[in-house]
Amino acid sequence: MAQKIGLGQLFIDLATALTGRFAGGPAKVSVVSSAMLGTISGSSIANTVTTGALTIPAMIKVGFQRHFAAAVEAASSTGGQITPPVLGRWPS
């Protein structure tokens, strides 16, 4: 559902605005966008699927090797399961 409504693209755009102009921009965009999505999903797999579909091709386009781009996305998405959920319920 997040992909259909463009939530991943929103996070990519916000992260690009913050970090896109720096060296290694697409990798930094991957880390920031995965952190933002992690506050909602709480799932590293959902992070990888949603943001990785956009950030991995961007990293490859800039010149990163394919396996390195995938590794950056996988590593940045694992933080999604430890990021405190914003939309989650507080424990009673």
PDB file of N, CA and C in Angstrom:
ATOM      1  N   MET A   1       0.823  -1.184   0.000  1.00  0.00           N
ATOM      2  CA  MET A   1       0.000   0.000   0.000  1.00  0.00           C
ATOM      3  C   MET A   1       0.872   1.254   0.000  1.00  0.00           C
ATOM      4  N   ALA A   2       1.989   1.193   0.754  1.00  0.00           N
ATOM      5  CA  ALA A   2       2.873   2.356   0.801  1.00  0.00           C
ATOM      6  C   ALA A   2       3.436   2.692  -0.578  1.00  0.00           C
ATOM      7  N   GLN A   3       3.725   1.667  -1.369  1.00  0.00           N
ATOM      8  CA  GLN A   3       4.230   1.924  -2.715  1.00  0.00           C
ATOM      9  C   GLN A   3       3.146   2.498  -3.615  1.00  0.00           C
ATOM     10  N   LYS A   4       1.927   2.016  -3.471  1.00  0.00           N
ATOM     11  CA  LYS A   4       0.832   2.475  -4.327  1.00  0.00           C
ATOM     12  C   LYS A   4       0.480   3.937  -4.091  1.00  0.00           C
ATOM     13  N   ILE A   5       0.560   4.392  -2.837  1.00  0.00           N
ATOM     14  CA  ILE A   5       0.209   5.788  -2.565  1.00  0.00           C
ATOM     15  C   ILE A   5       1.407   6.734  -2.682  1.00  0.00           C
ATOM     16  N   GLY A   6       2.589   6.163  -2.946  1.00  0.00           N
ATOM     17  CA  GLY A   6       3.763   6.998  -3.160  1.00  0.00           C
ATOM     18  C   GLY A   6       4.495   7.409  -1.900  1.00  0.00           C
ATOM     19  N   LEU A   7       4.289   6.689  -0.814  1.00  0.00           N
ATOM     20  CA  LEU A   7       4.944   7.027   0.440  1.00  0.00           C
ATOM     21  C   LEU A   7       6.459   6.888   0.336  1.00  0.00           C
ATOM     22  N   GLY A   8       6.904   5.838  -0.341  1.00  0.00           N
ATOM     23  CA  GLY A   8       8.341   5.655  -0.532  1.00  0.00           C
ATOM     24  C   GLY A   8       8.962   6.816  -1.291  1.00  0.00           C
ATOM     25  N   GLN A   9       8.278   7.262  -2.328  1.00  0.00           N
ATOM     26  CA  GLN A   9       8.789   8.379  -3.122  1.00  0.00           C
ATOM     27  C   GLN A   9       8.830   9.663  -2.302  1.00  0.00           C
ATOM     28  N   LEU A  10       7.860   9.859  -1.432  1.00  0.00           N
ATOM     29  CA  LEU A  10       7.865  11.038  -0.556  1.00  0.00           C
ATOM     30  C   LEU A  10       9.101  11.037   0.337  1.00  0.00           C
ATOM     31  N   PHE A  11       9.395   9.892   0.943  1.00  0.00           N
ATOM     32  CA  PHE A  11      10.570   9.802   1.804  1.00  0.00           C
ATOM     33  C   PHE A  11      11.854   9.967   1.016  1.00  0.00           C
ATOM     34  N   ILE A  12      11.895   9.447  -0.199  1.00  0.00           N
ATOM     35  CA  ILE A  12      13.076   9.619  -1.058  1.00  0.00           C
ATOM     36  C   ILE A  12      13.264  11.092  -1.377  1.00  0.00           C
ATOM     37  N   ASP A  13      12.185  11.782  -1.714  1.00  0.00           N
ATOM     38  CA  ASP A  13      12.276  13.206  -2.049  1.00  0.00           C
ATOM     39  C   ASP A  13      12.741  14.039  -0.856  1.00  0.00           C
ATOM     40  N   LEU A  14      12.216  13.748   0.322  1.00  0.00           N
ATOM     41  CA  LEU A  14      12.650  14.469   1.518  1.00  0.00           C
ATOM     42  C   LEU A  14      14.121  14.205   1.830  1.00  0.00           C
ATOM     43  N   ALA A  15      14.524  12.947   1.728  1.00  0.00           N
ATOM     44  CA  ALA A  15      15.916  12.607   2.002  1.00  0.00           C
ATOM     45  C   ALA A  15      16.852  13.212   0.959  1.00  0.00           C
ATOM     46  N   THR A  16      16.411  13.274  -0.292  1.00  0.00           N
ATOM     47  CA  THR A  16      17.220  13.893  -1.342  1.00  0.00           C
ATOM     48  C   THR A  16      17.393  15.382  -1.073  1.00  0.00           C
ATOM     49  N   ALA A  17      16.350  16.022  -0.605  1.00  0.00           N
ATOM     50  CA  ALA A  17      16.448  17.446  -0.284  1.00  0.00           C
ATOM     51  C   ALA A  17      17.449  17.690   0.839  1.00  0.00           C
ATOM     52  N   LEU A  18      17.534  16.750   1.777  1.00  0.00           N
ATOM     53  CA  LEU A  18      18.460  16.905   2.898  1.00  0.00           C
ATOM     54  C   LEU A  18      19.902  16.544   2.553  1.00  0.00           C
ATOM     55  N   THR A  19      20.114  15.467   1.804  1.00  0.00           N
ATOM     56  CA  THR A  19      21.461  14.928   1.633  1.00  0.00           C
ATOM     57  C   THR A  19      21.912  14.760   0.191  1.00  0.00           C
ATOM     58  N   GLY A  20      21.056  15.008  -0.766  1.00  0.00           N
ATOM     59  CA  GLY A  20      21.367  14.707  -2.161  1.00  0.00           C
ATOM     60  C   GLY A  20      22.529  15.477  -2.756  1.00  0.00           C
ATOM     61  N   ARG A  21      22.846  16.609  -2.207  1.00  0.00           N
ATOM     62  CA  ARG A  21      23.908  17.431  -2.807  1.00  0.00           C
ATOM     63  C   ARG A  21      25.303  17.088  -2.280  1.00  0.00           C
ATOM     64  N   PHE A  22      25.384  16.234  -1.282  1.00  0.00           N
ATOM     65  CA  PHE A  22      26.677  15.863  -0.705  1.00  0.00           C
ATOM     66  C   PHE A  22      27.295  14.673  -1.430  1.00  0.00           C
ATOM     67  N   ALA A  23      28.597  14.471  -1.221  1.00  0.00           N
ATOM     68  CA  ALA A  23      29.272  13.306  -1.805  1.00  0.00           C
ATOM     69  C   ALA A  23      28.632  12.039  -1.267  1.00  0.00           C
ATOM     70  N   GLY A  24      28.443  11.070  -2.150  1.00  0.00           N
ATOM     71  CA  GLY A  24      27.783   9.832  -1.747  1.00  0.00           C
ATOM     72  C   GLY A  24      26.302  10.026  -1.521  1.00  0.00           C
ATOM     73  N   GLY A  25      25.731  11.031  -2.165  1.00  0.00           N
ATOM     74  CA  GLY A  25      24.342  11.417  -1.952  1.00  0.00           C
ATOM     75  C   GLY A  25      23.330  10.298  -1.992  1.00  0.00           C
ATOM     76  N   PRO A  26      23.312   9.455  -3.029  1.00  0.00           N
ATOM     77  CA  PRO A  26      22.301   8.397  -3.072  1.00  0.00           C
ATOM     78  C   PRO A  26      22.391   7.410  -1.908  1.00  0.00           C
ATOM     79  N   ALA A  27      23.592   7.146  -1.419  1.00  0.00           N
ATOM     80  CA  ALA A  27      23.729   6.248  -0.268  1.00  0.00           C
ATOM     81  C   ALA A  27      23.184   6.918   0.993  1.00  0.00           C
ATOM     82  N   LYS A  28      23.433   8.205   1.129  1.00  0.00           N
ATOM     83  CA  LYS A  28      22.895   8.938   2.277  1.00  0.00           C
ATOM     84  C   LYS A  28      21.381   9.054   2.187  1.00  0.00           C
ATOM     85  N   VAL A  29      20.867   9.217   0.975  1.00  0.00           N
ATOM     86  CA  VAL A  29      19.422   9.244   0.769  1.00  0.00           C
ATOM     87  C   VAL A  29      18.819   7.909   1.204  1.00  0.00           C
ATOM     88  N   SER A  30      19.510   6.818   0.886  1.00  0.00           N
ATOM     89  CA  SER A  30      19.041   5.495   1.287  1.00  0.00           C
ATOM     90  C   SER A  30      18.939   5.369   2.799  1.00  0.00           C
ATOM     91  N   VAL A  31      19.939   5.836   3.495  1.00  0.00           N
ATOM     92  CA  VAL A  31      19.962   5.736   4.958  1.00  0.00           C
ATOM     93  C   VAL A  31      18.860   6.600   5.573  1.00  0.00           C
ATOM     94  N   VAL A  32      18.728   7.833   5.127  1.00  0.00           N
ATOM     95  CA  VAL A  32      17.743   8.747   5.710  1.00  0.00           C
ATOM     96  C   VAL A  32      16.316   8.294   5.390  1.00  0.00           C
ATOM     97  N   SER A  33      16.071   7.891   4.139  1.00  0.00           N
ATOM     98  CA  SER A  33      14.721   7.468   3.781  1.00  0.00           C
ATOM     99  C   SER A  33      14.334   6.176   4.489  1.00  0.00           C
ATOM    100  N   SER A  34      15.272   5.268   4.684  1.00  0.00           N
ATOM    101  CA  SER A  34      14.971   4.047   5.429  1.00  0.00           C
ATOM    102  C   SER A  34      14.679   4.354   6.890  1.00  0.00           C
ATOM    103  N   ALA A  35      15.362   5.321   7.455  1.00  0.00           N
ATOM    104  CA  ALA A  35      15.083   5.712   8.843  1.00  0.00           C
ATOM    105  C   ALA A  35      13.684   6.303   8.966  1.00  0.00           C
ATOM    106  N   MET A  36      13.297   7.131   7.995  1.00  0.00           N
ATOM    107  CA  MET A  36      11.966   7.728   8.043  1.00  0.00           C
ATOM    108  C   MET A  36      10.878   6.669   7.883  1.00  0.00           C
ATOM    109  N   LEU A  37      11.073   5.757   6.942  1.00  0.00           N
ATOM    110  CA  LEU A  37      10.074   4.714   6.735  1.00  0.00           C
ATOM    111  C   LEU A  37      10.043   3.752   7.915  1.00  0.00           C
ATOM    112  N   GLY A  38      11.164   3.543   8.567  1.00  0.00           N
ATOM    113  CA  GLY A  38      11.219   2.658   9.727  1.00  0.00           C
ATOM    114  C   GLY A  38      10.369   3.140  10.872  1.00  0.00           C
ATOM    115  N   THR A  39      10.171   4.447  10.983  1.00  0.00           N
ATOM    116  CA  THR A  39       9.323   4.964  12.055  1.00  0.00           C
ATOM    117  C   THR A  39       7.864   4.599  11.836  1.00  0.00           C
ATOM    118  N   ILE A  40       7.515   4.230  10.620  1.00  0.00           N
ATOM    119  CA  ILE A  40       6.140   3.856  10.315  1.00  0.00           C
ATOM    120  C   ILE A  40       5.981   2.337  10.253  1.00  0.00           C
ATOM    121  N   SER A  41       6.882   1.685   9.527  1.00  0.00           N
ATOM    122  CA  SER A  41       6.689   0.257   9.276  1.00  0.00           C
ATOM    123  C   SER A  41       7.223  -0.628  10.393  1.00  0.00           C
ATOM    124  N   GLY A  42       8.395  -0.326  10.914  1.00  0.00           N
ATOM    125  CA  GLY A  42       9.011  -1.181  11.913  1.00  0.00           C
ATOM    126  C   GLY A  42       9.525  -2.489  11.357  1.00  0.00           C
ATOM    127  N   SER A  43       9.669  -2.559  10.039  1.00  0.00           N
ATOM    128  CA  SER A  43      10.076  -3.797   9.384  1.00  0.00           C
ATOM    129  C   SER A  43      11.231  -3.531   8.436  1.00  0.00           C
ATOM    130  N   SER A  44      12.300  -4.302   8.590  1.00  0.00           N
ATOM    131  CA  SER A  44      13.446  -4.114   7.698  1.00  0.00           C
ATOM    132  C   SER A  44      13.128  -4.587   6.286  1.00  0.00           C
ATOM    133  N   ILE A  45      12.306  -5.593   6.148  1.00  0.00           N
ATOM    134  CA  ILE A  45      11.944  -6.085   4.814  1.00  0.00           C
ATOM    135  C   ILE A  45      11.087  -5.061   4.084  1.00  0.00           C
ATOM    136  N   ALA A  46      10.118  -4.476   4.785  1.00  0.00           N
ATOM    137  CA  ALA A  46       9.283  -3.447   4.165  1.00  0.00           C
ATOM    138  C   ALA A  46      10.119  -2.243   3.751  1.00  0.00           C
ATOM    139  N   ASN A  47      11.104  -1.882   4.562  1.00  0.00           N
ATOM    140  CA  ASN A  47      12.007  -0.788   4.207  1.00  0.00           C
ATOM    141  C   ASN A  47      12.771  -1.101   2.932  1.00  0.00           C
ATOM    142  N   THR A  48      13.326  -2.292   2.858  1.00  0.00           N
ATOM    143  CA  THR A  48      14.125  -2.666   1.699  1.00  0.00           C
ATOM    144  C   THR A  48      13.289  -2.650   0.422  1.00  0.00           C
ATOM    145  N   VAL A  49      12.094  -3.190   0.496  1.00  0.00           N
ATOM    146  CA  VAL A  49      11.238  -3.249  -0.686  1.00  0.00           C
ATOM    147  C   VAL A  49      10.769  -1.865  -1.109  1.00  0.00           C
ATOM    148  N   THR A  50      10.334  -1.069  -0.138  1.00  0.00           N
ATOM    149  CA  THR A  50       9.751   0.237  -0.469  1.00  0.00           C
ATOM    150  C   THR A  50      10.795   1.250  -0.913  1.00  0.00           C
ATOM    151  N   THR A  51      11.847   1.423  -0.141  1.00  0.00           N
ATOM    152  CA  THR A  51      12.839   2.435  -0.505  1.00  0.00           C
ATOM    153  C   THR A  51      13.899   1.893  -1.458  1.00  0.00           C
ATOM    154  N   GLY A  52      14.191   0.607  -1.359  1.00  0.00           N
ATOM    155  CA  GLY A  52      15.230   0.017  -2.204  1.00  0.00           C
ATOM    156  C   GLY A  52      14.897   0.043  -3.687  1.00  0.00           C
ATOM    157  N   ALA A  53      13.613  -0.037  -4.002  1.00  0.00           N
ATOM    158  CA  ALA A  53      13.206   0.015  -5.405  1.00  0.00           C
ATOM    159  C   ALA A  53      13.589   1.341  -6.055  1.00  0.00           C
ATOM    160  N   LEU A  54      13.779   2.355  -5.247  1.00  0.00           N
ATOM    161  CA  LEU A  54      14.129   3.672  -5.773  1.00  0.00           C
ATOM    162  C   LEU A  54      15.599   4.029  -5.541  1.00  0.00           C
ATOM    163  N   THR A  55      16.143   3.648  -4.387  1.00  0.00           N
ATOM    164  CA  THR A  55      17.498   4.086  -4.071  1.00  0.00           C
ATOM    165  C   THR A  55      18.586   3.224  -4.706  1.00  0.00           C
ATOM    166  N   ILE A  56      18.346   1.930  -4.850  1.00  0.00           N
ATOM    167  CA  ILE A  56      19.375   1.070  -5.462  1.00  0.00           C
ATOM    168  C   ILE A  56      19.656   1.498  -6.904  1.00  0.00           C
ATOM    169  N   PRO A  57      18.629   1.685  -7.760  1.00  0.00           N
ATOM    170  CA  PRO A  57      18.922   2.177  -9.113  1.00  0.00           C
ATOM    171  C   PRO A  57      19.598   3.551  -9.127  1.00  0.00           C
ATOM    172  N   ALA A  58      19.251   4.416  -8.171  1.00  0.00           N
ATOM    173  CA  ALA A  58      19.890   5.738  -8.109  1.00  0.00           C
ATOM    174  C   ALA A  58      21.372   5.603  -7.777  1.00  0.00           C
ATOM    175  N   MET A  59      21.709   4.707  -6.857  1.00  0.00           N
ATOM    176  CA  MET A  59      23.114   4.505  -6.509  1.00  0.00           C
ATOM    177  C   MET A  59      23.891   3.900  -7.674  1.00  0.00           C
ATOM    178  N   ILE A  60      23.273   2.965  -8.385  1.00  0.00           N
ATOM    179  CA  ILE A  60      23.934   2.344  -9.540  1.00  0.00           C
ATOM    180  C   ILE A  60      24.161   3.382 -10.638  1.00  0.00           C
ATOM    181  N   LYS A  61      23.174   4.256 -10.840  1.00  0.00           N
ATOM    182  CA  LYS A  61      23.276   5.297 -11.868  1.00  0.00           C
ATOM    183  C   LYS A  61      24.438   6.252 -11.604  1.00  0.00           C
ATOM    184  N   VAL A  62      24.703   6.530 -10.334  1.00  0.00           N
ATOM    185  CA  VAL A  62      25.782   7.448  -9.973  1.00  0.00           C
ATOM    186  C   VAL A  62      27.154   6.780 -10.089  1.00  0.00           C
ATOM    187  N   GLY A  63      27.193   5.449 -10.033  1.00  0.00           N
ATOM    188  CA  GLY A  63      28.467   4.773 -10.194  1.00  0.00           C
ATOM    189  C   GLY A  63      28.807   3.737  -9.146  1.00  0.00           C
ATOM    190  N   PHE A  64      27.931   3.548  -8.164  1.00  0.00           N
ATOM    191  CA  PHE A  64      28.167   2.497  -7.184  1.00  0.00           C
ATOM    192  C   PHE A  64      28.049   1.133  -7.856  1.00  0.00           C
ATOM    193  N   GLN A  65      28.817   0.164  -7.391  1.00  0.00           N
ATOM    194  CA  GLN A  65      28.679  -1.196  -7.900  1.00  0.00           C
ATOM    195  C   GLN A  65      27.360  -1.769  -7.394  1.00  0.00           C
ATOM    196  N   ARG A  66      26.807  -2.708  -8.181  1.00  0.00           N
ATOM    197  CA  ARG A  66      25.490  -3.270  -7.850  1.00  0.00           C
ATOM    198  C   ARG A  66      25.462  -3.908  -6.468  1.00  0.00           C
ATOM    199  N   HIS A  67      26.471  -4.704  -6.168  1.00  0.00           N
ATOM    200  CA  HIS A  67      26.462  -5.392  -4.882  1.00  0.00           C
ATOM    201  C   HIS A  67      26.647  -4.414  -3.715  1.00  0.00           C
ATOM    202  N   PHE A  68      27.382  -3.340  -3.943  1.00  0.00           N
ATOM    203  CA  PHE A  68      27.567  -2.348  -2.890  1.00  0.00           C
ATOM    204  C   PHE A  68      26.275  -1.560  -2.662  1.00  0.00           C
ATOM    205  N   ALA A  69      25.585  -1.209  -3.734  1.00  0.00           N
ATOM    206  CA  ALA A  69      24.320  -0.485  -3.604  1.00  0.00           C
ATOM    207  C   ALA A  69      23.291  -1.322  -2.850  1.00  0.00           C
ATOM    208  N   ALA A  70      23.235  -2.601  -3.157  1.00  0.00           N
ATOM    209  CA  ALA A  70      22.306  -3.492  -2.453  1.00  0.00           C
ATOM    210  C   ALA A  70      22.699  -3.631  -0.983  1.00  0.00           C
ATOM    211  N   ALA A  71      23.993  -3.687  -0.710  1.00  0.00           N
ATOM    212  CA  ALA A  71      24.453  -3.814   0.675  1.00  0.00           C
ATOM    213  C   ALA A  71      24.146  -2.562   1.483  1.00  0.00           C
ATOM    214  N   VAL A  72      24.300  -1.397   0.885  1.00  0.00           N
ATOM    215  CA  VAL A  72      23.970  -0.146   1.582  1.00  0.00           C
ATOM    216  C   VAL A  72      22.490  -0.118   1.927  1.00  0.00           C
ATOM    217  N   GLU A  73      21.653  -0.503   0.988  1.00  0.00           N
ATOM    218  CA  GLU A  73      20.210  -0.511   1.238  1.00  0.00           C
ATOM    219  C   GLU A  73      19.839  -1.530   2.303  1.00  0.00           C
ATOM    220  N   ALA A  74      20.415  -2.704   2.234  1.00  0.00           N
ATOM    221  CA  ALA A  74      20.101  -3.736   3.230  1.00  0.00           C
ATOM    222  C   ALA A  74      20.548  -3.302   4.628  1.00  0.00           C
ATOM    223  N   ALA A  75      21.737  -2.733   4.718  1.00  0.00           N
ATOM    224  CA  ALA A  75      22.247  -2.298   6.025  1.00  0.00           C
ATOM    225  C   ALA A  75      21.433  -1.138   6.586  1.00  0.00           C
ATOM    226  N   SER A  76      21.062  -0.192   5.732  1.00  0.00           N
ATOM    227  CA  SER A  76      20.290   0.945   6.229  1.00  0.00           C
ATOM    228  C   SER A  76      18.864   0.543   6.588  1.00  0.00           C
ATOM    229  N   SER A  77      18.325  -0.466   5.936  1.00  0.00           N
ATOM    230  CA  SER A  77      16.961  -0.897   6.220  1.00  0.00           C
ATOM    231  C   SER A  77      16.844  -1.737   7.482  1.00  0.00           C
ATOM    232  N   THR A  78      17.933  -2.328   7.926  1.00  0.00           N
ATOM    233  CA  THR A  78      17.842  -3.135   9.145  1.00  0.00           C
ATOM    234  C   THR A  78      17.548  -2.276  10.367  1.00  0.00           C
ATOM    235  N   GLY A  79      17.860  -1.008  10.303  1.00  0.00           N
ATOM    236  CA  GLY A  79      17.532  -0.124  11.411  1.00  0.00           C
ATOM    237  C   GLY A  79      16.037   0.087  11.568  1.00  0.00           C
ATOM    238  N   GLY A  80      15.253  -0.273  10.558  1.00  0.00           N
ATOM    239  CA  GLY A  80      13.808  -0.108  10.620  1.00  0.00           C
ATOM    240  C   GLY A  80      13.155  -0.921  11.710  1.00  0.00           C
ATOM    241  N   GLN A  81      13.755  -2.029  12.092  1.00  0.00           N
ATOM    242  CA  GLN A  81      13.118  -2.838  13.117  1.00  0.00           C
ATOM    243  C   GLN A  81      13.450  -2.366  14.534  1.00  0.00           C
ATOM    244  N   ILE A  82      14.437  -1.468  14.682  1.00  0.00           N
ATOM    245  CA  ILE A  82      14.724  -0.949  16.016  1.00  0.00           C
ATOM    246  C   ILE A  82      14.327   0.520  16.166  1.00  0.00           C
ATOM    247  N   THR A  83      13.874   1.133  15.072  1.00  0.00           N
ATOM    248  CA  THR A  83      13.417   2.521  15.130  1.00  0.00           C
ATOM    249  C   THR A  83      12.083   2.563  15.885  1.00  0.00           C
ATOM    250  N   PRO A  84      11.934   3.471  16.818  1.00  0.00           N
ATOM    251  CA  PRO A  84      10.660   3.540  17.552  1.00  0.00           C
ATOM    252  C   PRO A  84       9.515   3.901  16.611  1.00  0.00           C
ATOM    253  N   PRO A  85       8.460   3.114  16.613  1.00  0.00           N
ATOM    254  CA  PRO A  85       7.349   3.398  15.700  1.00  0.00           C
ATOM    255  C   PRO A  85       6.555   4.634  16.112  1.00  0.00           C
ATOM    256  N   VAL A  86       6.323   5.507  15.172  1.00  0.00           N
ATOM    257  CA  VAL A  86       5.550   6.713  15.424  1.00  0.00           C
ATOM    258  C   VAL A  86       4.059   6.371  15.429  1.00  0.00           C
ATOM    259  N   LEU A  87       3.643   5.481  14.530  1.00  0.00           N
ATOM    260  CA  LEU A  87       2.235   5.144  14.417  1.00  0.00           C
ATOM    261  C   LEU A  87       1.843   3.953  15.275  1.00  0.00           C
ATOM    262  N   GLY A  88       2.792   3.386  15.999  1.00  0.00           N
ATOM    263  CA  GLY A  88       2.501   2.247  16.841  1.00  0.00           C
ATOM    264  C   GLY A  88       1.775   2.635  18.120  1.00  0.00           C
ATOM    265  N   ARG A  89       1.321   1.636  18.825  1.00  0.00           N
ATOM    266  CA  ARG A  89       0.609   1.848  20.076  1.00  0.00           C
ATOM    267  C   ARG A  89       1.604   1.847  21.234  1.00  0.00           C
ATOM    268  N   TRP A  90       1.464   2.735  22.174  1.00  0.00           N
ATOM    269  CA  TRP A  90       2.320   2.752  23.345  1.00  0.00           C
ATOM    270  C   TRP A  90       1.964   1.565  24.231  1.00  0.00           C
ATOM    271  N   PRO A  91       2.953   0.920  24.809  1.00  0.00           N
ATOM    272  CA  PRO A  91       2.638  -0.209  25.694  1.00  0.00           C
ATOM    273  C   PRO A  91       1.872   0.259  26.936  1.00  0.00           C
ATOM    274  N   SER A  92       0.952  -0.569  27.388  1.00  0.00           N
ATOM    275  CA  SER A  92       0.134  -0.202  28.560  1.00  0.00           C
ATOM    276  C   SER A  92       0.839  -0.549  29.838  1.00  0.00           C
TER     277      SER A  92
END
